[in-house]
Amino acid sequence: MFWDPYFGWDTHMIRSCLFWTVLLCGLVSFVTATEGLGWDYAYLSLYDWALGNTTAVLISIILLLVGGFYFWKVQIGDM
């Protein structure tokens, strides 16, 4: 939870998630680079998959945004 209803933004959780995301991306890049595929192979293959499944990606993004919006509305007591 990045937003605490009592204290506002939870900067510790944001920093923690960013740290683990950077660490995971670094590990993936290191493994693919040492396998001889190039450090960006995982990201390019994810991009190619997203291009091949454009409909599923767009539907997922729309559902996540709508779900996040309604979660926010419930949290602020507007619903």
Protein backbone atom coordinates (compact mmCIF):
# COMPACT_ATOMS: atom_id res chain seq x y z
CA MET A 1 0.00 0.00 0.00
CA PHE A 2 1.62 3.22 -1.16
CA TRP A 3 -1.01 5.48 0.34
CA ASP A 4 -1.76 5.35 4.04
CA PRO A 5 -5.13 6.91 4.87
CA TYR A 6 -3.77 8.28 8.15
CA PHE A 7 -0.25 9.45 7.29
CA GLY A 8 -0.29 9.99 3.52
CA TRP A 9 2.36 8.60 1.18
CA ASP A 10 4.27 5.62 2.52
CA THR A 11 7.73 6.58 1.28
CA HIS A 12 9.38 3.60 2.98
CA MET A 13 7.20 1.17 0.98
CA ILE A 14 7.82 3.12 -2.24
CA ARG A 15 11.60 3.02 -1.68
CA SER A 16 11.43 -0.67 -0.80
CA CYS A 17 9.47 -1.57 -3.93
CA LEU A 18 11.79 0.51 -6.11
CA PHE A 19 14.84 -1.17 -4.55
CA TRP A 20 13.51 -4.68 -5.20
CA THR A 21 12.41 -3.76 -8.73
CA VAL A 22 15.87 -2.40 -9.56
CA LEU A 23 17.50 -5.44 -7.95
CA LEU A 24 15.31 -7.86 -9.91
CA CYS A 25 15.90 -6.02 -13.20
CA GLY A 26 19.63 -5.99 -12.52
CA LEU A 27 19.64 -9.72 -11.80
CA VAL A 28 17.65 -10.49 -14.95
CA SER A 29 19.97 -8.30 -17.03
CA PHE A 30 23.04 -9.95 -15.51
CA VAL A 31 21.76 -13.48 -16.18
CA THR A 32 20.77 -12.78 -19.78
CA ALA A 33 24.07 -10.98 -20.42
CA THR A 34 26.10 -13.89 -19.07
CA GLU A 35 24.09 -16.33 -21.19
CA GLY A 36 25.22 -14.45 -24.30
CA LEU A 37 21.78 -13.05 -25.14
CA GLY A 38 22.50 -9.41 -24.35
CA TRP A 39 21.44 -7.50 -21.27
CA ASP A 40 18.22 -6.27 -22.90
CA TYR A 41 16.96 -9.66 -24.15
CA ALA A 42 14.34 -10.06 -21.40
CA TYR A 43 12.95 -6.58 -21.99
CA LEU A 44 12.87 -6.97 -25.77
CA SER A 45 11.12 -10.33 -25.51
CA LEU A 46 8.55 -8.82 -23.12
CA TYR A 47 8.03 -5.97 -25.59
CA ASP A 48 7.62 -8.43 -28.47
CA TRP A 49 5.08 -10.40 -26.43
CA ALA A 50 3.13 -7.21 -25.69
CA LEU A 51 3.12 -6.34 -29.40
CA GLY A 52 1.87 -9.82 -30.26
CA ASN A 53 -0.92 -9.66 -27.69
CA THR A 54 -2.00 -6.05 -28.04
CA THR A 55 -5.65 -6.72 -27.27
CA ALA A 56 -4.92 -8.58 -24.03
CA VAL A 57 -2.44 -5.91 -22.95
CA LEU A 58 -4.88 -3.06 -23.60
CA ILE A 59 -7.74 -4.84 -21.82
CA SER A 60 -5.49 -5.55 -18.83
CA ILE A 61 -4.31 -1.94 -18.63
CA ILE A 62 -7.86 -0.62 -18.82
CA LEU A 63 -9.08 -3.03 -16.12
CA LEU A 64 -6.16 -2.15 -13.84
CA LEU A 65 -6.78 1.58 -14.25
CA VAL A 66 -10.53 1.26 -13.63
CA GLY A 67 -9.92 -1.01 -10.64
CA GLY A 68 -7.37 1.42 -9.21
CA PHE A 69 -9.76 4.32 -9.71
CA TYR A 70 -12.59 2.57 -7.88
CA PHE A 71 -10.24 1.44 -5.11
CA TRP A 72 -9.23 5.08 -4.66
CA LYS A 73 -12.87 6.19 -4.66
CA VAL A 74 -13.70 3.66 -1.92
CA GLN A 75 -10.65 4.69 0.12
CA ILE A 76 -11.60 8.37 0.16
CA GLY A 77 -15.19 7.47 1.06
CA ASP A 78 -16.82 8.71 -2.13
CA MET A 79 -18.68 5.45 -2.76
